[in-house]
Amino acid sequence: MRRGSYVERLPDDVWVLDHANGLGGTPTWTQLFPTGAPPGARQGHQAVYDPSTNSMIVWAGQNGGGSACSPDAYSDVWVLRHANGIGGTPNWVQLLPTGGPPAGQYFSTAVYDSSNNILIVFGGIGMVGTNCQSTNAVWALSHANGIGGTPVWRNLVAQDADGSPANREHQAAVYASSTNTMTIFGGDNITGTFFGDTWVLSNANGIGRHPIWKHLINATGPVPSTRWNGGVIDTVHDSMIMFGGAGDGESGKSTTLWTTWTLSPSSGR
């Protein structure tokens, strides 16, 4: 269920895929059974991985109750220690950040600056004032893995700030640590409008200088169709990779897509 008027039963289990790149052995799914009270079952949440502490950080989402905003949306942050099941028993820990939280809690995107332990969140659906709507604010969570200090939410780019992308959710987003940039593509909004634009946020972690959005309008070659989907980054070649998604088809109807696209360099530099 993406949006609807009924309650959907959602899972809250954790699985690991060994040999996930298809090399060195047969890919095998294994279910983990973490200790600690788990997060509530959810969908439309975000999860990032911190390799330095073998932790998975989970932010927000929606409980399947049918509403994209309160009371069905979550604003919590959780960390799964020993996330890959190696080196110790996986264990859920809830973080209790100060500040915030971001308004966009359902189908936002989150990227992770592992060098500075900062989770960067953009967009999503949430309560903006008295309205349940798509958002375009950027937030950062310090000490996002729960180590080194109290996690603190900070609003890096305000809602509807000049020069920002249009309000949206479910966009593809990647972070390049070498340039401290977050690149987004596409997405849609709460009214069902699809986007096909690409934006780069410089100084994305907010350290030292204020983050600034740049609209990439001079990209060469063909351009992906408007869509919402997910993306990953090839840090070796500074490329953003997208596969599939859903977007505008013939006659303006939403359709499932299966094409693969790359943007290089992902930072637009």
C-alpha atoms as a PDB file:
ATOM      1  CA  MET A   1       0.000   0.000   0.000  1.00  0.00           C
ATOM      2  CA  ARG A   2       1.405   3.374  -0.937  1.00  0.00           C
ATOM      3  CA  ARG A   3      -1.553   5.472   0.176  1.00  0.00           C
ATOM      4  CA  GLY A   4      -4.986   4.197   0.947  1.00  0.00           C
ATOM      5  CA  SER A   5      -7.958   4.067   3.259  1.00  0.00           C
ATOM      6  CA  TYR A   6      -7.413   0.691   4.898  1.00  0.00           C
ATOM      7  CA  VAL A   7      -5.056  -0.814   7.450  1.00  0.00           C
ATOM      8  CA  GLU A   8      -2.317  -3.009   6.016  1.00  0.00           C
ATOM      9  CA  ARG A   9      -0.398  -5.606   8.002  1.00  0.00           C
ATOM     10  CA  LEU A  10       3.288  -4.898   7.766  1.00  0.00           C
ATOM     11  CA  PRO A  11       6.326  -7.042   8.688  1.00  0.00           C
ATOM     12  CA  ASP A  12       9.003  -6.078  11.208  1.00  0.00           C
ATOM     13  CA  ASP A  13      11.572  -8.807  10.511  1.00  0.00           C
ATOM     14  CA  VAL A  14      15.270  -8.426   9.615  1.00  0.00           C
ATOM     15  CA  TRP A  15      17.098 -10.367   6.911  1.00  0.00           C
ATOM     16  CA  VAL A  16      20.672 -10.467   5.563  1.00  0.00           C
ATOM     17  CA  LEU A  17      21.729 -11.509   2.058  1.00  0.00           C
ATOM     18  CA  ASP A  18      25.212 -13.056   2.054  1.00  0.00           C
ATOM     19  CA  HIS A  19      27.337 -12.774  -1.124  1.00  0.00           C
ATOM     20  CA  ALA A  20      24.956 -10.003  -2.144  1.00  0.00           C
ATOM     21  CA  ASN A  21      27.063  -8.966  -5.159  1.00  0.00           C
ATOM     22  CA  GLY A  22      26.900 -12.484  -6.586  1.00  0.00           C
ATOM     23  CA  LEU A  23      30.637 -13.075  -6.078  1.00  0.00           C
ATOM     24  CA  GLY A  24      32.481 -15.513  -3.832  1.00  0.00           C
ATOM     25  CA  GLY A  25      29.595 -17.842  -3.129  1.00  0.00           C
ATOM     26  CA  THR A  26      25.898 -18.504  -3.533  1.00  0.00           C
ATOM     27  CA  PRO A  27      23.724 -15.579  -2.394  1.00  0.00           C
ATOM     28  CA  THR A  28      21.747 -16.768   0.638  1.00  0.00           C
ATOM     29  CA  TRP A  29      19.037 -15.064   2.689  1.00  0.00           C
ATOM     30  CA  THR A  30      19.283 -15.462   6.480  1.00  0.00           C
ATOM     31  CA  GLN A  31      16.785 -14.110   8.987  1.00  0.00           C
ATOM     32  CA  LEU A  32      18.201 -12.336  12.022  1.00  0.00           C
ATOM     33  CA  PHE A  33      16.489 -12.256  15.409  1.00  0.00           C
ATOM     34  CA  PRO A  34      17.649  -9.084  17.155  1.00  0.00           C
ATOM     35  CA  THR A  35      17.294  -8.567  20.876  1.00  0.00           C
ATOM     36  CA  GLY A  36      15.722  -5.444  22.320  1.00  0.00           C
ATOM     37  CA  ALA A  37      12.254  -4.051  21.718  1.00  0.00           C
ATOM     38  CA  PRO A  38      11.978  -3.662  17.922  1.00  0.00           C
ATOM     39  CA  PRO A  39      10.691  -0.644  16.014  1.00  0.00           C
ATOM     40  CA  GLY A  40       7.016  -0.739  15.116  1.00  0.00           C
ATOM     41  CA  ALA A  41       6.272  -2.466  11.813  1.00  0.00           C
ATOM     42  CA  ARG A  42       6.416   0.097   9.029  1.00  0.00           C
ATOM     43  CA  GLN A  43       6.720   0.996   5.372  1.00  0.00           C
ATOM     44  CA  GLY A  44       8.044   4.026   3.503  1.00  0.00           C
ATOM     45  CA  HIS A  45      10.877   4.375   6.031  1.00  0.00           C
ATOM     46  CA  GLN A  46      14.547   5.004   5.308  1.00  0.00           C
ATOM     47  CA  ALA A  47      17.554   2.906   6.315  1.00  0.00           C
ATOM     48  CA  VAL A  48      21.281   3.548   5.940  1.00  0.00           C
ATOM     49  CA  TYR A  49      24.320   1.486   6.907  1.00  0.00           C
ATOM     50  CA  ASP A  50      27.307   2.639   8.965  1.00  0.00           C
ATOM     51  CA  PRO A  51      30.242   0.336   8.105  1.00  0.00           C
ATOM     52  CA  SER A  52      32.476   1.683  10.877  1.00  0.00           C
ATOM     53  CA  THR A  53      30.147   0.379  13.607  1.00  0.00           C
ATOM     54  CA  ASN A  54      28.269  -2.316  11.636  1.00  0.00           C
ATOM     55  CA  SER A  55      25.016  -0.494  12.372  1.00  0.00           C
ATOM     56  CA  MET A  56      21.833   0.097  10.400  1.00  0.00           C
ATOM     57  CA  ILE A  57      20.073   3.397  11.125  1.00  0.00           C
ATOM     58  CA  VAL A  58      16.314   3.483  10.504  1.00  0.00           C
ATOM     59  CA  TRP A  59      14.320   6.695  10.277  1.00  0.00           C
ATOM     60  CA  ALA A  60      10.524   7.295  10.280  1.00  0.00           C
ATOM     61  CA  GLY A  61       7.985   5.607   7.964  1.00  0.00           C
ATOM     62  CA  GLN A  62       4.281   4.796   8.259  1.00  0.00           C
ATOM     63  CA  ASN A  63       2.434   2.039  10.132  1.00  0.00           C
ATOM     64  CA  GLY A  64       0.058   0.876   7.390  1.00  0.00           C
ATOM     65  CA  GLY A  65      -2.915   2.672   8.925  1.00  0.00           C
ATOM     66  CA  GLY A  66      -3.842   4.440   5.708  1.00  0.00           C
ATOM     67  CA  SER A  67      -2.753   8.012   6.458  1.00  0.00           C
ATOM     68  CA  ALA A  68       0.471   9.566   5.205  1.00  0.00           C
ATOM     69  CA  CYS A  69       0.619  11.868   8.236  1.00  0.00           C
ATOM     70  CA  SER A  70      -0.131  11.730  11.952  1.00  0.00           C
ATOM     71  CA  PRO A  71      -1.158   9.572  13.690  1.00  0.00           C
ATOM     72  CA  ASP A  72       0.004   6.859  11.272  1.00  0.00           C
ATOM     73  CA  ALA A  73       3.450   8.303  10.471  1.00  0.00           C
ATOM     74  CA  TYR A  74       6.511   7.654  12.638  1.00  0.00           C
ATOM     75  CA  SER A  75       9.122  10.256  13.610  1.00  0.00           C
ATOM     76  CA  ASP A  76      11.486   7.918  15.463  1.00  0.00           C
ATOM     77  CA  VAL A  77      15.094   6.856  14.876  1.00  0.00           C
ATOM     78  CA  TRP A  78      16.435   3.373  15.596  1.00  0.00           C
ATOM     79  CA  VAL A  79      19.856   1.741  15.366  1.00  0.00           C
ATOM     80  CA  LEU A  80      20.459  -1.966  14.803  1.00  0.00           C
ATOM     81  CA  ARG A  81      23.824  -2.936  16.301  1.00  0.00           C
ATOM     82  CA  HIS A  82      25.757  -5.855  14.717  1.00  0.00           C
ATOM     83  CA  ALA A  83      23.436  -5.304  11.773  1.00  0.00           C
ATOM     84  CA  ASN A  84      24.930  -7.970   9.496  1.00  0.00           C
ATOM     85  CA  GLY A  85      24.801 -10.625  12.222  1.00  0.00           C
ATOM     86  CA  ILE A  86      28.607 -10.821  12.483  1.00  0.00           C
ATOM     87  CA  GLY A  87      30.603 -10.053  15.628  1.00  0.00           C
ATOM     88  CA  GLY A  88      27.730 -10.138  18.095  1.00  0.00           C
ATOM     89  CA  THR A  89      24.002 -10.505  18.548  1.00  0.00           C
ATOM     90  CA  PRO A  90      22.010  -7.899  16.595  1.00  0.00           C
ATOM     91  CA  ASN A  91      20.308  -5.515  19.006  1.00  0.00           C
ATOM     92  CA  TRP A  92      17.751  -2.734  18.482  1.00  0.00           C
ATOM     93  CA  VAL A  93      18.323   0.588  20.259  1.00  0.00           C
ATOM     94  CA  GLN A  94      16.007   3.583  19.976  1.00  0.00           C
ATOM     95  CA  LEU A  95      17.668   6.987  19.782  1.00  0.00           C
ATOM     96  CA  LEU A  96      16.087   9.992  21.467  1.00  0.00           C
ATOM     97  CA  PRO A  97      17.268  13.017  19.460  1.00  0.00           C
ATOM     98  CA  THR A  98      16.715  16.603  20.512  1.00  0.00           C
ATOM     99  CA  GLY A  99      15.384  19.172  18.032  1.00  0.00           C
ATOM    100  CA  GLY A 100      13.076  18.470  15.117  1.00  0.00           C
ATOM    101  CA  PRO A 101      11.955  16.028  13.990  1.00  0.00           C
ATOM    102  CA  PRO A 102      11.677  16.640  10.237  1.00  0.00           C
ATOM    103  CA  ALA A 103       8.142  17.002   8.899  1.00  0.00           C
ATOM    104  CA  GLY A 104       8.717  14.618   5.989  1.00  0.00           C
ATOM    105  CA  GLN A 105       8.402  11.230   7.658  1.00  0.00           C
ATOM    106  CA  TYR A 106       6.775   9.052   4.973  1.00  0.00           C
ATOM    107  CA  PHE A 107       8.721   8.328   1.780  1.00  0.00           C
ATOM    108  CA  SER A 108      11.465  10.842   2.524  1.00  0.00           C
ATOM    109  CA  THR A 109      14.994  10.006   1.397  1.00  0.00           C
ATOM    110  CA  ALA A 110      17.953   9.674   3.734  1.00  0.00           C
ATOM    111  CA  VAL A 111      21.670   9.502   2.983  1.00  0.00           C
ATOM    112  CA  TYR A 112      24.555   9.033   5.405  1.00  0.00           C
ATOM    113  CA  ASP A 113      27.842  10.853   5.850  1.00  0.00           C
ATOM    114  CA  SER A 114      29.794   8.106   7.618  1.00  0.00           C
ATOM    115  CA  SER A 115      32.915  10.230   8.158  1.00  0.00           C
ATOM    116  CA  ASN A 116      30.982  12.726  10.287  1.00  0.00           C
ATOM    117  CA  ASN A 117      28.198  10.405  11.519  1.00  0.00           C
ATOM    118  CA  ILE A 118      25.444  12.588  10.032  1.00  0.00           C
ATOM    119  CA  LEU A 119      22.115  11.401   8.596  1.00  0.00           C
ATOM    120  CA  ILE A 120      20.776  13.816   5.946  1.00  0.00           C
ATOM    121  CA  VAL A 121      17.026  13.735   5.238  1.00  0.00           C
ATOM    122  CA  PHE A 122      15.198  15.411   2.354  1.00  0.00           C
ATOM    123  CA  GLY A 123      11.533  15.663   1.397  1.00  0.00           C
ATOM    124  CA  GLY A 124       8.799  13.157   2.207  1.00  0.00           C
ATOM    125  CA  ILE A 125       5.185  13.561   3.317  1.00  0.00           C
ATOM    126  CA  GLY A 126       4.283  15.056   6.670  1.00  0.00           C
ATOM    127  CA  MET A 127       2.503  17.774   8.546  1.00  0.00           C
ATOM    128  CA  VAL A 128       3.674  21.216   7.406  1.00  0.00           C
ATOM    129  CA  GLY A 129       1.787  23.569   9.673  1.00  0.00           C
ATOM    130  CA  THR A 130      -1.782  22.297   9.543  1.00  0.00           C
ATOM    131  CA  ASN A 131      -1.417  20.651   6.119  1.00  0.00           C
ATOM    132  CA  CYS A 132      -0.532  17.048   5.287  1.00  0.00           C
ATOM    133  CA  GLN A 133       1.672  17.571   2.245  1.00  0.00           C
ATOM    134  CA  SER A 134       4.886  16.748   0.432  1.00  0.00           C
ATOM    135  CA  THR A 135       7.874  18.681   1.737  1.00  0.00           C
ATOM    136  CA  ASN A 136      11.206  20.012   0.448  1.00  0.00           C
ATOM    137  CA  ALA A 137      13.118  20.786   3.646  1.00  0.00           C
ATOM    138  CA  VAL A 138      16.560  19.335   4.402  1.00  0.00           C
ATOM    139  CA  TRP A 139      17.434  18.105   7.902  1.00  0.00           C
ATOM    140  CA  ALA A 140      20.583  16.615   9.413  1.00  0.00           C
ATOM    141  CA  LEU A 141      20.881  14.320  12.432  1.00  0.00           C
ATOM    142  CA  SER A 142      24.228  14.448  14.237  1.00  0.00           C
ATOM    143  CA  HIS A 143      25.608  11.401  16.094  1.00  0.00           C
ATOM    144  CA  ALA A 144      23.180   9.409  13.979  1.00  0.00           C
ATOM    145  CA  ASN A 145      24.555   6.003  15.012  1.00  0.00           C
ATOM    146  CA  GLY A 146      24.032   6.905  18.676  1.00  0.00           C
ATOM    147  CA  ILE A 147      27.754   7.091  19.463  1.00  0.00           C
ATOM    148  CA  GLY A 148      29.852  10.093  20.489  1.00  0.00           C
ATOM    149  CA  GLY A 149      27.157  12.390  21.818  1.00  0.00           C
ATOM    150  CA  THR A 150      23.450  13.196  21.912  1.00  0.00           C
ATOM    151  CA  PRO A 151      21.788  12.999  18.460  1.00  0.00           C
ATOM    152  CA  VAL A 152      20.453  16.413  17.444  1.00  0.00           C
ATOM    153  CA  TRP A 153      18.154  17.287  14.531  1.00  0.00           C
ATOM    154  CA  ARG A 154      19.069  20.482  12.670  1.00  0.00           C
ATOM    155  CA  ASN A 155      17.104  22.126   9.842  1.00  0.00           C
ATOM    156  CA  LEU A 156      19.713  22.832   7.142  1.00  0.00           C
ATOM    157  CA  VAL A 157      17.363  24.137   4.430  1.00  0.00           C
ATOM    158  CA  ALA A 158      13.981  25.508   5.476  1.00  0.00           C
ATOM    159  CA  GLN A 159      10.673  24.451   3.982  1.00  0.00           C
ATOM    160  CA  ASP A 160      10.006  26.350   0.707  1.00  0.00           C
ATOM    161  CA  ALA A 161      13.380  28.097   0.839  1.00  0.00           C
ATOM    162  CA  ASP A 162      14.276  30.029  -2.326  1.00  0.00           C
ATOM    163  CA  GLY A 163      16.140  27.928  -4.881  1.00  0.00           C
ATOM    164  CA  SER A 164      14.921  24.582  -3.522  1.00  0.00           C
ATOM    165  CA  PRO A 165      13.430  21.706  -5.538  1.00  0.00           C
ATOM    166  CA  ALA A 166       9.646  21.484  -5.567  1.00  0.00           C
ATOM    167  CA  ASN A 167       7.965  19.665  -2.678  1.00  0.00           C
ATOM    168  CA  ARG A 168       8.212  15.920  -3.276  1.00  0.00           C
ATOM    169  CA  GLU A 169       8.634  12.438  -1.888  1.00  0.00           C
ATOM    170  CA  HIS A 170      10.070   9.081  -2.972  1.00  0.00           C
ATOM    171  CA  GLN A 171      12.869  10.645  -5.022  1.00  0.00           C
ATOM    172  CA  ALA A 172      16.162   8.866  -5.641  1.00  0.00           C
ATOM    173  CA  ALA A 173      18.970  10.287  -3.501  1.00  0.00           C
ATOM    174  CA  VAL A 174      22.677   9.508  -3.156  1.00  0.00           C
ATOM    175  CA  TYR A 175      25.517  11.032  -1.144  1.00  0.00           C
ATOM    176  CA  ALA A 176      29.085  11.508  -2.390  1.00  0.00           C
ATOM    177  CA  SER A 177      31.488  11.872   0.531  1.00  0.00           C
ATOM    178  CA  SER A 178      34.331  13.014  -1.734  1.00  0.00           C
ATOM    179  CA  THR A 179      32.382  16.169  -2.662  1.00  0.00           C
ATOM    180  CA  ASN A 180      29.982  16.375   0.315  1.00  0.00           C
ATOM    181  CA  THR A 181      27.045  16.507  -2.086  1.00  0.00           C
ATOM    182  CA  MET A 182      23.578  14.951  -2.111  1.00  0.00           C
ATOM    183  CA  THR A 183      22.078  14.372  -5.545  1.00  0.00           C
ATOM    184  CA  ILE A 184      18.360  13.755  -6.040  1.00  0.00           C
ATOM    185  CA  PHE A 185      16.357  12.762  -9.098  1.00  0.00           C
ATOM    186  CA  GLY A 186      12.631  12.689  -9.727  1.00  0.00           C
ATOM    187  CA  GLY A 187      10.036  11.673  -7.186  1.00  0.00           C
ATOM    188  CA  ASP A 188       6.384  12.629  -7.018  1.00  0.00           C
ATOM    189  CA  ASN A 189       4.117  14.621  -4.733  1.00  0.00           C
ATOM    190  CA  ILE A 190       1.001  13.959  -2.705  1.00  0.00           C
ATOM    191  CA  THR A 191      -1.232  14.948  -5.651  1.00  0.00           C
ATOM    192  CA  GLY A 192       0.370  12.297  -7.903  1.00  0.00           C
ATOM    193  CA  THR A 193       2.543  14.594 -10.050  1.00  0.00           C
ATOM    194  CA  PHE A 194       5.789  12.948 -11.206  1.00  0.00           C
ATOM    195  CA  PHE A 195       9.121  14.784 -11.490  1.00  0.00           C
ATOM    196  CA  GLY A 196      12.056  14.221 -13.830  1.00  0.00           C
ATOM    197  CA  ASP A 197      14.518  16.843 -12.616  1.00  0.00           C
ATOM    198  CA  THR A 198      17.973  16.468 -11.071  1.00  0.00           C
ATOM    199  CA  TRP A 199      19.303  18.591  -8.211  1.00  0.00           C
ATOM    200  CA  VAL A 200      22.600  18.667  -6.312  1.00  0.00           C
ATOM    201  CA  LEU A 201      22.934  19.941  -2.736  1.00  0.00           C
ATOM    202  CA  SER A 202      26.459  21.178  -2.043  1.00  0.00           C
ATOM    203  CA  ASN A 203      27.826  21.257   1.525  1.00  0.00           C
ATOM    204  CA  ALA A 204      25.140  18.664   2.215  1.00  0.00           C
ATOM    205  CA  ASN A 205      26.151  17.821   5.788  1.00  0.00           C
ATOM    206  CA  GLY A 206      25.943  21.489   6.836  1.00  0.00           C
ATOM    207  CA  ILE A 207      29.424  21.592   8.355  1.00  0.00           C
ATOM    208  CA  GLY A 208      31.264  24.871   7.872  1.00  0.00           C
ATOM    209  CA  ARG A 209      29.046  26.341   5.164  1.00  0.00           C
ATOM    210  CA  HIS A 210      25.345  26.605   4.390  1.00  0.00           C
ATOM    211  CA  PRO A 211      24.042  23.942   1.956  1.00  0.00           C
ATOM    212  CA  ILE A 212      23.057  25.272  -1.484  1.00  0.00           C
ATOM    213  CA  TRP A 213      20.840  23.593  -4.102  1.00  0.00           C
ATOM    214  CA  LYS A 214      21.800  23.584  -7.794  1.00  0.00           C
ATOM    215  CA  HIS A 215      19.405  22.488 -10.543  1.00  0.00           C
ATOM    216  CA  LEU A 216      21.248  20.389 -13.147  1.00  0.00           C
ATOM    217  CA  ILE A 217      19.678  21.547 -16.379  1.00  0.00           C
ATOM    218  CA  ASN A 218      22.636  21.103 -18.734  1.00  0.00           C
ATOM    219  CA  ALA A 219      23.149  17.344 -18.476  1.00  0.00           C
ATOM    220  CA  THR A 220      24.207  15.819 -21.798  1.00  0.00           C
ATOM    221  CA  GLY A 221      22.691  12.748 -23.422  1.00  0.00           C
ATOM    222  CA  PRO A 222      19.217  11.265 -22.920  1.00  0.00           C
ATOM    223  CA  VAL A 223      17.273  11.962 -19.730  1.00  0.00           C
ATOM    224  CA  PRO A 224      15.211   9.442 -17.687  1.00  0.00           C
ATOM    225  CA  SER A 225      11.444   9.836 -17.827  1.00  0.00           C
ATOM    226  CA  THR A 226       9.608  11.301 -14.846  1.00  0.00           C
ATOM    227  CA  ARG A 227       9.410   8.705 -12.085  1.00  0.00           C
ATOM    228  CA  TRP A 228       9.745   7.802  -8.432  1.00  0.00           C
ATOM    229  CA  ASN A 229      12.250   5.155  -7.467  1.00  0.00           C
ATOM    230  CA  GLY A 230      15.462   4.550  -5.567  1.00  0.00           C
ATOM    231  CA  GLY A 231      19.087   5.078  -6.465  1.00  0.00           C
ATOM    232  CA  VAL A 232      22.522   3.887  -5.393  1.00  0.00           C
ATOM    233  CA  ILE A 233      25.972   5.417  -5.813  1.00  0.00           C
ATOM    234  CA  ASP A 234      29.176   4.023  -7.293  1.00  0.00           C
ATOM    235  CA  THR A 235      31.718   5.882  -5.161  1.00  0.00           C
ATOM    236  CA  VAL A 236      34.666   4.678  -7.264  1.00  0.00           C
ATOM    237  CA  HIS A 237      33.326   6.316 -10.431  1.00  0.00           C
ATOM    238  CA  ASP A 238      31.151   9.023  -8.792  1.00  0.00           C
ATOM    239  CA  SER A 239      28.061   7.717 -10.583  1.00  0.00           C
ATOM    240  CA  MET A 240      24.415   7.610  -9.540  1.00  0.00           C
ATOM    241  CA  ILE A 241      22.643   4.422 -10.650  1.00  0.00           C
ATOM    242  CA  MET A 242      18.859   4.009 -10.909  1.00  0.00           C
ATOM    243  CA  PHE A 243      16.749   1.032 -11.903  1.00  0.00           C
ATOM    244  CA  GLY A 244      13.031   0.822 -12.557  1.00  0.00           C
ATOM    245  CA  GLY A 245      10.447   2.672 -10.525  1.00  0.00           C
ATOM    246  CA  ALA A 246       7.062   4.017 -11.513  1.00  0.00           C
ATOM    247  CA  GLY A 247       6.248   7.086 -13.545  1.00  0.00           C
ATOM    248  CA  ASP A 248       4.333   8.698 -16.371  1.00  0.00           C
ATOM    249  CA  GLY A 249       3.453   6.315 -19.161  1.00  0.00           C
ATOM    250  CA  GLU A 250       1.366   6.764 -22.248  1.00  0.00           C
ATOM    251  CA  SER A 251      -1.739   8.915 -21.868  1.00  0.00           C
ATOM    252  CA  GLY A 252      -0.343  10.287 -18.611  1.00  0.00           C
ATOM    253  CA  LYS A 253      -1.068   7.080 -16.676  1.00  0.00           C
ATOM    254  CA  SER A 254       1.343   5.730 -14.084  1.00  0.00           C
ATOM    255  CA  THR A 255       3.282   2.701 -15.244  1.00  0.00           C
ATOM    256  CA  THR A 256       6.003   0.417 -13.889  1.00  0.00           C
ATOM    257  CA  LEU A 257       9.440   1.025 -15.414  1.00  0.00           C
ATOM    258  CA  TRP A 258      12.385  -1.343 -15.836  1.00  0.00           C
ATOM    259  CA  THR A 259      15.135   0.715 -17.457  1.00  0.00           C
ATOM    260  CA  THR A 260      18.542   1.363 -15.868  1.00  0.00           C
ATOM    261  CA  TRP A 261      20.203   4.794 -15.896  1.00  0.00           C
ATOM    262  CA  THR A 262      23.500   6.243 -14.674  1.00  0.00           C
ATOM    263  CA  LEU A 263      24.457   9.871 -13.999  1.00  0.00           C
ATOM    264  CA  SER A 264      28.154  10.638 -14.004  1.00  0.00           C
ATOM    265  CA  PRO A 265      29.544  12.553 -12.274  1.00  0.00           C
ATOM    266  CA  SER A 266      26.742  12.382  -9.723  1.00  0.00           C
ATOM    267  CA  SER A 267      27.835  15.665  -8.136  1.00  0.00           C
ATOM    268  CA  GLY A 268      27.422  17.547 -11.417  1.00  0.00           C
ATOM    269  CA  ARG A 269      30.989  18.812 -11.219  1.00  0.00           C
END
